Structure formats: C-alpha cells, structure tokens
Amino acid sequence: MSSLRAIWRLTAACWLFAALALSLPLVRLAGGPLRAHRFFLGWIGAMHRLLNLKVERIGALPDEPSILMGNHPSYLDIFLCYDRRPTAIVAAREFKWFPFIGWAAQAIGTVWVQRKCPESRKRIVPCILDALRAQRSAFVFPEGRTTDGVLPNTVRLGMFKAAAEAGVPVTYVGIRYGNRKAAYFHDLKGGFVPHLLRHLWSLLCEPQIDVSLRYSRPQRLTCPERGMRRFENFVRWHLRRDVPLQPAHAVYRG
C-alpha cells in the first residue's frame, strides 16, 4: 500500500512541478507578480494536500517585507518557505538543473548560491536586498544545508551581518517535524544523489507528515553576532520536544 501511495504521489508531483514551471512565467507575464504569487500559493497548497503535510503555525508572518531565516532540517522545507507577499528563496545551485524540481525553482525566481564558495554567498546579498526594496520578502537558511532535525547546524554569520548593515527587518522561523524521517543529513562527499532519492521515496511512502512552524516577532538587528545567537537559541527552543507550545511572542521578544 505504501509503495502504491509513493508511486501515485511521485507521478502527481512531477506533473505539478512541470505545471508550475510552464504556467508561472505566463501567469506573471499576464497578471503581474501578485497574481503569480497567488498562483504559487495555490500550488503550495496542492503539494501540501498531495503529501498530506499537516502544518501548525505559531505566531504570524511579518506585515512588511522581511528576511525570513529558518533552520533547515529537511528538503520538505521548500514547501514552507514563503510569505504573504512574493518571496525570493535562496537555494543550492546544485539543484538548479534537477528535472522538475529545478525547473519549477527557476520559474519562481530562486536565488542560487554555491554553498562552498564564499564569493557566491556574498553575491546573493544584493539580490536579497533588491527583493526587499521591490516589496518582496526573502527566505534564507543560515545553516546552508540540511541537518538531522535535532539541533541546528553551524550557522553562517554573513546574512545576519548584511541584514544589520542594511537595517532591514528579520523574522526567525523554527521548523520542527513530528516525524524524524523527514529530517535529512548527508556529508555530500559521495553517493549523495542515490541516498537523497531513497530518502525522498521513504517520505512519499509516509501516510502523513506533521510540521510545526514558529515565527518570531520581526526585528532589526544592531549586532550580527547577537542576532545569530538569538536565531540559534530560538531554533533550539522550538526543537525541544518536552516544552509545551506557546505563542511566539511569549517565547522570544528579540
């Protein structure tokens, strides 16, 4: 039964990714960025229903364009990193030419970064700031890669420094999956693609995946190092299994 479920979901997901890649540029051309974003949100909803992804939200999305910074426990995070307004998503360049997934990511205007190249990470900063000036938000993963879902990985300072220097608002996002199978970690040294495909197949077999998103209050950073530590603490708090969930403002005041 689980294999049949996975085959059905894989087939439908390929169609949905292809539909997004082909349709979104036309929708943007005909109706503008806001209509394209509504189309994208409808596509996200369809993916949530297909994967039976049950999302609990604690706190609220920001009211103004912001840099949303989230931990990165799973590749399912791509279905969670969006805002009320059009959002520039930063993703690893290795996925740019992946069939279906890469095509769809290019259609939504993903900002590509080479994770191991410091110069590439610096070049994405103007793209993110341009997005905010155009009344878009941006979603970044300061860890730069997926983790085991238990604790955040090493966080890079660069985006915190850029946000502090530009004086733009930042919102922290804690992502916690109810099923530990959703988390993915690989050393990227060899056998990554077959290992990733086996992992994705196992997720397609799951009857339901629960995820909890917690949003901090928007804030403007004055000290990058302090902002980075607050992000780490915010995520660590949310990943604790033995603490009752509370409104975000009761947890973190930034």
Protein backbone atom coordinates (compact mmCIF):
# COMPACT_ATOMS: atom_id res chain seq x y z
CA MET A 1 0.00 0.00 0.00
CA SER A 2 2.78 2.44 0.89
CA SER A 3 4.55 1.75 -2.43
CA LEU A 4 1.36 2.44 -4.38
CA ARG A 5 0.94 5.67 -2.40
CA ALA A 6 4.51 6.66 -3.25
CA ILE A 7 4.08 5.91 -6.96
CA TRP A 8 0.87 7.98 -7.12
CA ARG A 9 2.46 10.88 -5.25
CA LEU A 10 5.63 10.80 -7.36
CA THR A 11 3.64 10.86 -10.60
CA ALA A 12 1.38 13.67 -9.39
CA ALA A 13 4.30 15.67 -8.00
CA CYS A 14 6.14 15.52 -11.34
CA TRP A 15 3.02 16.85 -13.08
CA LEU A 16 2.65 19.62 -10.50
CA PHE A 17 6.29 20.69 -10.77
CA ALA A 18 6.08 20.69 -14.56
CA ALA A 19 2.82 22.68 -14.44
CA LEU A 20 4.41 25.29 -12.17
CA ALA A 21 7.48 25.61 -14.36
CA LEU A 22 5.39 26.07 -17.52
CA SER A 23 2.50 28.13 -16.15
CA LEU A 24 4.02 30.54 -13.64
CA PRO A 25 6.00 32.65 -16.15
CA LEU A 26 2.83 33.05 -18.25
CA VAL A 27 0.75 33.99 -15.21
CA ARG A 28 3.39 36.55 -14.17
CA LEU A 29 3.51 37.97 -17.69
CA ALA A 30 -0.27 38.25 -17.99
CA GLY A 31 -1.27 39.18 -14.44
CA GLY A 32 1.82 40.57 -12.72
CA PRO A 33 3.81 39.42 -9.68
CA LEU A 34 0.94 39.42 -7.18
CA ARG A 35 -1.25 37.16 -9.28
CA ALA A 36 1.76 34.92 -9.91
CA HIS A 37 2.32 34.71 -6.17
CA ARG A 38 -1.31 33.72 -5.57
CA PHE A 39 -0.87 31.05 -8.22
CA PHE A 40 2.27 29.84 -6.43
CA LEU A 41 0.45 29.71 -3.07
CA GLY A 42 -2.27 27.62 -4.69
CA TRP A 43 0.43 25.28 -5.97
CA ILE A 44 1.93 25.06 -2.47
CA GLY A 45 -1.50 24.11 -1.10
CA ALA A 46 -1.80 21.37 -3.72
CA MET A 47 1.61 19.97 -2.70
CA HIS A 48 0.60 20.01 0.97
CA ARG A 49 -2.54 18.01 0.16
CA LEU A 50 -0.65 15.60 -2.08
CA LEU A 51 1.99 14.84 0.57
CA ASN A 52 -0.57 15.08 3.41
CA LEU A 53 1.68 17.67 5.03
CA LYS A 54 -0.13 18.97 8.14
CA VAL A 55 1.24 22.38 9.13
CA GLU A 56 0.76 24.03 12.53
CA ARG A 57 1.68 27.72 12.68
CA ILE A 58 2.62 29.50 15.90
CA GLY A 59 2.97 33.26 15.66
CA ALA A 60 2.39 35.17 12.45
CA LEU A 61 4.12 36.09 9.23
CA PRO A 62 5.52 39.65 9.19
CA ASP A 63 3.38 42.54 7.97
CA GLU A 64 6.21 44.12 5.96
CA PRO A 65 8.83 42.72 3.59
CA SER A 66 11.40 40.86 5.69
CA ILE A 67 14.25 38.40 5.59
CA LEU A 68 12.86 35.17 6.99
CA MET A 69 15.62 33.00 8.46
CA GLY A 70 14.80 29.37 9.17
CA ASN A 71 16.54 26.22 10.28
CA HIS A 72 16.81 23.58 7.56
CA PRO A 73 16.02 20.05 8.78
CA SER A 74 14.50 18.67 5.57
CA TYR A 75 14.10 19.12 1.83
CA LEU A 76 10.38 19.38 2.54
CA ASP A 77 11.24 22.87 3.84
CA ILE A 78 10.90 24.15 0.26
CA PHE A 79 7.12 23.81 0.67
CA LEU A 80 7.20 26.00 3.79
CA CYS A 81 9.45 28.96 2.91
CA TYR A 82 7.01 31.56 1.66
CA ASP A 83 5.41 34.78 2.87
CA ARG A 84 2.16 36.66 2.28
CA ARG A 85 3.96 38.55 -0.48
CA PRO A 86 6.22 37.30 -3.29
CA THR A 87 9.31 35.72 -1.76
CA ALA A 88 12.84 35.22 -3.06
CA ILE A 89 14.08 31.82 -1.90
CA VAL A 90 17.81 31.11 -1.62
CA ALA A 91 18.72 27.55 -2.65
CA ALA A 92 21.80 25.50 -3.51
CA ARG A 93 22.90 25.83 -7.12
CA GLU A 94 23.34 22.04 -7.33
CA PHE A 95 19.57 21.71 -7.66
CA LYS A 96 19.13 24.27 -10.43
CA TRP A 97 19.04 21.71 -13.24
CA PHE A 98 17.30 18.88 -11.39
CA PRO A 99 14.40 17.64 -13.56
CA PHE A 100 11.03 19.07 -12.48
CA ILE A 101 12.26 20.47 -9.14
CA GLY A 102 14.94 22.67 -10.69
CA TRP A 103 12.65 23.81 -13.49
CA ALA A 104 9.96 24.88 -11.03
CA ALA A 105 12.53 26.62 -8.80
CA GLN A 106 13.78 28.66 -11.74
CA ALA A 107 10.20 29.67 -12.58
CA ILE A 108 9.61 31.16 -9.11
CA GLY A 109 12.81 33.23 -9.31
CA THR A 110 15.01 31.30 -6.87
CA VAL A 111 18.32 32.93 -5.92
CA TRP A 112 21.03 30.34 -6.47
CA VAL A 113 24.13 30.03 -4.31
CA GLN A 114 27.19 27.78 -4.40
CA ARG A 115 27.31 26.65 -0.80
CA LYS A 116 31.07 26.08 -0.63
CA CYS A 117 32.01 29.33 -2.37
CA PRO A 118 32.33 32.40 -0.09
CA GLU A 119 32.21 34.74 -3.09
CA SER A 120 28.95 33.19 -4.27
CA ARG A 121 27.43 33.66 -0.82
CA LYS A 122 28.46 37.35 -0.91
CA ARG A 123 26.91 37.85 -4.36
CA ILE A 124 23.45 36.80 -3.22
CA VAL A 125 23.24 39.63 -0.67
CA PRO A 126 22.46 42.39 -3.23
CA CYS A 127 19.81 40.11 -4.79
CA ILE A 128 18.08 39.71 -1.43
CA LEU A 129 18.22 43.42 -0.63
CA ASP A 130 16.87 44.24 -4.11
CA ALA A 131 13.96 41.89 -3.40
CA LEU A 132 13.09 43.76 -0.21
CA ARG A 133 13.29 47.12 -1.97
CA ALA A 134 10.82 45.72 -4.52
CA GLN A 135 8.40 44.90 -1.66
CA ARG A 136 9.22 41.20 -1.75
CA SER A 137 10.44 39.09 1.17
CA ALA A 138 13.35 36.66 1.16
CA PHE A 139 13.73 33.26 2.81
CA VAL A 140 17.21 32.02 3.69
CA PHE A 141 18.68 29.10 5.61
CA PRO A 142 21.68 30.43 7.56
CA GLU A 143 22.90 26.87 8.18
CA GLY A 144 23.45 26.50 4.45
CA ARG A 145 22.44 22.83 4.39
CA THR A 146 20.02 20.32 5.86
CA THR A 147 20.57 18.86 9.33
CA ASP A 148 19.45 15.87 11.38
CA GLY A 149 16.46 17.83 12.68
CA VAL A 150 17.52 17.60 16.34
CA LEU A 151 19.71 20.70 16.69
CA PRO A 152 20.69 23.45 14.26
CA ASN A 153 23.90 23.05 12.28
CA THR A 154 26.72 25.60 12.26
CA VAL A 155 25.20 28.95 11.33
CA ARG A 156 26.98 31.37 8.99
CA LEU A 157 27.21 34.99 10.07
CA GLY A 158 27.06 36.60 6.61
CA MET A 159 23.31 37.11 6.25
CA PHE A 160 22.98 38.46 9.79
CA LYS A 161 25.73 40.97 9.03
CA ALA A 162 24.06 42.02 5.77
CA ALA A 163 20.67 42.44 7.48
CA ALA A 164 22.21 44.55 10.27
CA GLU A 165 24.10 46.79 7.84
CA ALA A 166 21.03 47.30 5.63
CA GLY A 167 18.69 47.86 8.59
CA VAL A 168 16.04 45.51 7.16
CA PRO A 169 13.61 43.55 9.35
CA VAL A 170 14.37 39.92 10.16
CA THR A 171 11.95 37.19 11.26
CA TYR A 172 13.21 33.88 12.66
CA VAL A 173 11.37 30.70 11.66
CA GLY A 174 11.65 27.48 13.66
CA ILE A 175 10.78 24.33 11.69
CA ARG A 176 10.06 21.12 13.58
CA TYR A 177 8.81 17.87 12.07
CA GLY A 178 6.73 15.41 14.06
CA ASN A 179 8.25 12.55 12.08
CA ARG A 180 12.03 12.28 12.39
CA LYS A 181 12.11 10.55 9.00
CA ALA A 182 11.54 13.96 7.42
CA ALA A 183 14.97 15.18 8.53
CA TYR A 184 17.84 14.60 6.11
CA PHE A 185 21.58 14.83 6.55
CA HIS A 186 24.39 13.78 4.22
CA ASP A 187 28.09 14.66 4.21
CA LEU A 188 27.85 15.43 0.45
CA LYS A 189 31.17 13.67 -0.17
CA GLY A 190 29.85 10.76 -2.22
CA GLY A 191 26.69 8.93 -3.15
CA PHE A 192 24.55 11.96 -2.40
CA VAL A 193 22.04 11.63 -5.23
CA PRO A 194 21.09 7.94 -4.72
CA HIS A 195 20.98 8.48 -0.96
CA LEU A 196 18.71 11.52 -1.40
CA LEU A 197 16.41 9.65 -3.78
CA ARG A 198 16.00 6.79 -1.31
CA HIS A 199 15.17 9.33 1.38
CA LEU A 200 12.59 11.10 -0.78
CA TRP A 201 11.00 7.77 -1.67
CA SER A 202 10.62 6.95 2.02
CA LEU A 203 8.85 10.29 2.55
CA LEU A 204 6.46 9.57 -0.32
CA CYS A 205 5.51 6.34 1.47
CA GLU A 206 4.56 8.14 4.70
CA PRO A 207 0.77 8.45 5.25
CA GLN A 208 1.11 11.87 6.94
CA ILE A 209 3.84 14.27 7.99
CA ASP A 210 3.24 16.82 10.75
CA VAL A 211 5.27 20.01 10.91
CA SER A 212 5.25 22.92 13.35
CA LEU A 213 6.33 26.41 12.25
CA ARG A 214 7.10 29.06 14.84
CA TYR A 215 7.63 32.70 13.86
CA SER A 216 9.44 35.27 15.97
CA ARG A 217 8.48 38.92 16.04
CA PRO A 218 10.17 40.93 13.27
CA GLN A 219 13.26 42.80 14.47
CA ARG A 220 16.08 44.93 13.12
CA LEU A 221 19.50 43.66 14.07
CA THR A 222 22.07 46.02 15.56
CA CYS A 223 24.73 43.37 16.28
CA PRO A 224 25.15 40.49 13.79
CA GLU A 225 26.75 38.16 16.35
CA ARG A 226 23.93 38.73 18.84
CA GLY A 227 21.36 38.22 16.10
CA MET A 228 22.97 34.93 15.13
CA ARG A 229 22.98 33.68 18.73
CA ARG A 230 19.32 34.66 19.12
CA PHE A 231 18.46 32.73 15.98
CA GLU A 232 20.25 29.64 17.30
CA ASN A 233 18.51 29.91 20.67
CA PHE A 234 15.13 30.47 19.05
CA VAL A 235 15.51 27.35 16.91
CA ARG A 236 16.88 25.25 19.77
CA TRP A 237 13.89 26.20 21.91
CA HIS A 238 11.43 25.24 19.20
CA LEU A 239 13.12 21.87 18.60
CA ARG A 240 12.74 20.86 22.24
CA ARG A 241 10.13 18.09 22.46
CA ASP A 242 9.36 18.46 26.17
CA VAL A 243 8.21 22.10 26.23
CA PRO A 244 4.53 22.96 25.64
CA LEU A 245 3.99 25.13 22.58
CA GLN A 246 3.17 28.77 23.31
CA PRO A 247 2.59 31.90 21.19
CA ALA A 248 5.82 33.12 19.63
CA HIS A 249 5.72 36.46 21.48
CA ALA A 250 5.63 34.58 24.79
CA VAL A 251 8.77 32.70 23.84
CA TYR A 252 11.02 35.24 22.23
CA ARG A 253 10.99 39.01 22.43
CA GLY A 254 14.08 39.72 20.32
